[in-house]
Amino acid sequence: MTSNFVAQDEQFEEKVRKSFARQRAMETLGITLEKIEPGRIELRMPYNEAYTQQHGFLHAGIVSTALDSACGYAAFSLMPKEAAVLSIEYKINLLAPAKGDSFIFTGRVLKAGKTVSVCLSEAYSENSGERKLIAQMTGTMMTVIGREGVDQ
């Protein structure tokens, strides 16, 4: 995982970790923040039957939730110190059933703008050490500065 971006905030890693730690949805799902670089993020989630659909696959809503966070934190890692991040749009392609021992969600910035950033995230299932691409998301993230009720 290597990035071509330079973070605006020297403390970007700490900022991302603190914000991620406040995400109760990620905590509930057992999703952990594994890697952080400027413009790149990697999340991990163990398989949990509680989050499956009727066929035993990880539910598409759970996959999209994790991919959205991967896009958001990839963008957030490049934002100014005082900024917060919000998703404003995304599109997901479900490419294969989400079945595995665990799941990896990567996010990377394609274009970092002053107000809007475009990101790509990918979901992989891991089963007995083999990774398989199961979904891909393109997301648009907004830099938010000075909005009441929206903190880092």
Protein backbone atom coordinates (compact mmCIF):
# COMPACT_ATOMS: atom_id res chain seq x y z
CA MET A 1 0.00 0.00 0.00
CA THR A 2 1.73 3.15 -1.17
CA SER A 3 0.32 6.61 -1.63
CA ASN A 4 1.22 9.43 -4.00
CA PHE A 5 -0.50 12.02 -1.81
CA VAL A 6 0.87 14.26 0.92
CA ALA A 7 -1.32 14.90 3.97
CA GLN A 8 -2.14 18.54 4.80
CA ASP A 9 -2.16 17.70 8.51
CA GLU A 10 1.08 16.25 9.89
CA GLN A 11 -1.01 14.49 12.55
CA PHE A 12 -3.34 12.90 9.96
CA GLU A 13 -2.90 9.36 11.30
CA GLU A 14 -3.86 10.34 14.85
CA LYS A 15 -6.79 12.40 13.51
CA VAL A 16 -8.09 9.45 11.48
CA ARG A 17 -7.68 6.99 14.37
CA LYS A 18 -9.52 9.30 16.81
CA SER A 19 -12.40 9.84 14.41
CA PHE A 20 -12.64 6.14 13.53
CA ALA A 21 -12.72 5.22 17.23
CA ARG A 22 -15.91 7.31 17.60
CA GLN A 23 -17.73 5.36 14.88
CA ARG A 24 -20.06 3.11 16.83
CA ALA A 25 -21.20 1.41 13.61
CA MET A 26 -17.66 0.20 12.90
CA GLU A 27 -17.26 -0.96 16.50
CA THR A 28 -20.59 -2.83 16.38
CA LEU A 29 -19.60 -4.59 13.16
CA GLY A 30 -16.17 -5.52 14.52
CA ILE A 31 -14.41 -3.52 11.79
CA THR A 32 -10.89 -2.42 12.67
CA LEU A 33 -8.60 0.18 11.13
CA GLU A 34 -5.53 -1.74 9.97
CA LYS A 35 -3.48 0.66 7.80
CA ILE A 36 -3.38 4.41 7.20
CA GLU A 37 -1.40 6.35 4.62
CA PRO A 38 -2.14 9.73 3.09
CA GLY A 39 -5.06 9.00 0.77
CA ARG A 40 -5.24 5.25 1.59
CA ILE A 41 -6.99 3.18 4.24
CA GLU A 42 -7.39 -0.51 4.99
CA LEU A 43 -10.13 -1.92 7.24
CA ARG A 44 -10.69 -5.50 8.38
CA MET A 45 -13.80 -7.35 9.54
CA PRO A 46 -14.16 -10.93 10.75
CA TYR A 47 -17.04 -13.02 9.44
CA ASN A 48 -20.04 -12.79 11.75
CA GLU A 49 -23.22 -14.72 11.04
CA ALA A 50 -25.24 -11.92 12.66
CA TYR A 51 -24.53 -9.72 9.60
CA THR A 52 -25.51 -12.19 6.88
CA GLN A 53 -28.47 -12.31 4.56
CA GLN A 54 -30.70 -15.33 3.89
CA HIS A 55 -27.99 -17.28 1.99
CA GLY A 56 -25.28 -16.81 4.61
CA PHE A 57 -23.39 -14.15 2.65
CA LEU A 58 -22.36 -10.90 4.33
CA HIS A 59 -25.27 -8.53 3.67
CA ALA A 60 -24.75 -5.97 0.90
CA GLY A 61 -25.71 -3.19 3.32
CA ILE A 62 -22.85 -4.17 5.62
CA VAL A 63 -20.42 -4.31 2.68
CA SER A 64 -21.52 -0.85 1.51
CA THR A 65 -21.23 0.56 5.03
CA ALA A 66 -17.62 -0.60 5.31
CA LEU A 67 -16.74 0.61 1.81
CA ASP A 68 -18.26 4.01 2.56
CA SER A 69 -16.08 4.33 5.67
CA ALA A 70 -13.00 3.25 3.71
CA CYS A 71 -13.66 5.99 1.11
CA GLY A 72 -14.43 8.56 3.79
CA TYR A 73 -11.31 7.95 5.85
CA ALA A 74 -9.07 7.83 2.79
CA ALA A 75 -10.37 11.31 1.89
CA PHE A 76 -10.25 12.51 5.52
CA SER A 77 -6.56 11.61 5.76
CA LEU A 78 -5.80 14.34 3.20
CA MET A 79 -8.04 17.07 4.61
CA PRO A 80 -6.89 20.10 6.62
CA LYS A 81 -6.55 19.77 10.39
CA GLU A 82 -9.84 21.59 11.11
CA ALA A 83 -11.88 19.61 8.55
CA ALA A 84 -14.49 16.89 8.98
CA VAL A 85 -15.72 14.54 6.27
CA LEU A 86 -19.18 13.58 5.00
CA SER A 87 -20.22 11.29 2.17
CA ILE A 88 -22.28 12.97 -0.50
CA GLU A 89 -22.63 10.18 -3.05
CA TYR A 90 -21.56 6.63 -3.80
CA LYS A 91 -22.13 3.82 -6.25
CA ILE A 92 -21.40 0.20 -5.44
CA ASN A 93 -20.87 -2.80 -7.68
CA LEU A 94 -21.39 -6.16 -5.97
CA LEU A 95 -19.12 -8.51 -7.90
CA ALA A 96 -19.30 -11.81 -6.01
CA PRO A 97 -21.05 -13.27 -2.95
CA ALA A 98 -19.48 -11.98 0.26
CA LYS A 99 -18.47 -15.28 1.83
CA GLY A 100 -15.23 -15.79 3.74
CA ASP A 101 -13.47 -16.04 7.07
CA SER A 102 -12.83 -12.30 7.07
CA PHE A 103 -13.15 -9.23 4.86
CA ILE A 104 -10.74 -6.49 3.85
CA PHE A 105 -11.97 -3.05 2.77
CA THR A 106 -9.48 -0.74 1.10
CA GLY A 107 -10.06 2.90 0.25
CA ARG A 108 -7.98 5.26 -1.83
CA VAL A 109 -8.35 8.78 -3.10
CA LEU A 110 -8.47 9.17 -6.86
CA LYS A 111 -8.81 12.98 -6.87
CA ALA A 112 -8.47 15.17 -3.80
CA GLY A 113 -10.18 18.52 -4.19
CA LYS A 114 -10.51 21.46 -1.83
CA THR A 115 -14.19 20.71 -1.18
CA VAL A 116 -14.94 17.42 -2.94
CA SER A 117 -12.81 14.27 -3.23
CA VAL A 118 -13.46 11.21 -5.37
CA CYS A 119 -12.45 7.86 -3.93
CA LEU A 120 -12.41 4.19 -4.85
CA SER A 121 -12.87 1.41 -2.32
CA GLU A 122 -12.72 -2.33 -2.78
CA ALA A 123 -13.99 -5.22 -0.65
CA TYR A 124 -12.21 -8.56 -0.56
CA SER A 125 -13.21 -11.79 1.11
CA GLU A 126 -10.44 -13.83 2.69
CA ASN A 127 -10.86 -17.56 2.92
CA SER A 128 -7.98 -19.84 3.94
CA GLY A 129 -5.49 -17.12 3.02
CA GLU A 130 -6.94 -16.44 -0.44
CA ARG A 131 -8.33 -13.00 -1.30
CA LYS A 132 -11.22 -12.49 -3.71
CA LEU A 133 -12.59 -9.16 -4.92
CA ILE A 134 -16.29 -9.06 -3.99
CA ALA A 135 -17.31 -5.40 -4.38
CA GLN A 136 -16.14 -2.02 -5.54
CA MET A 137 -17.40 1.46 -4.67
CA THR A 138 -16.82 4.89 -6.13
CA GLY A 139 -17.55 7.56 -3.54
CA THR A 140 -17.67 11.33 -3.41
CA MET A 141 -16.64 12.84 -0.09
CA MET A 142 -17.09 16.43 1.07
CA THR A 143 -14.66 18.47 3.19
CA VAL A 144 -16.66 20.17 5.95
CA ILE A 145 -15.19 23.11 7.87
CA GLY A 146 -17.00 25.20 10.45
CA ARG A 147 -20.38 23.49 10.31
CA GLU A 148 -22.15 23.28 13.67
CA GLY A 149 -22.64 19.69 14.82
CA VAL A 150 -20.08 18.24 12.40
CA ASP A 151 -16.82 17.66 14.23
CA GLN A 152 -13.74 15.69 13.31
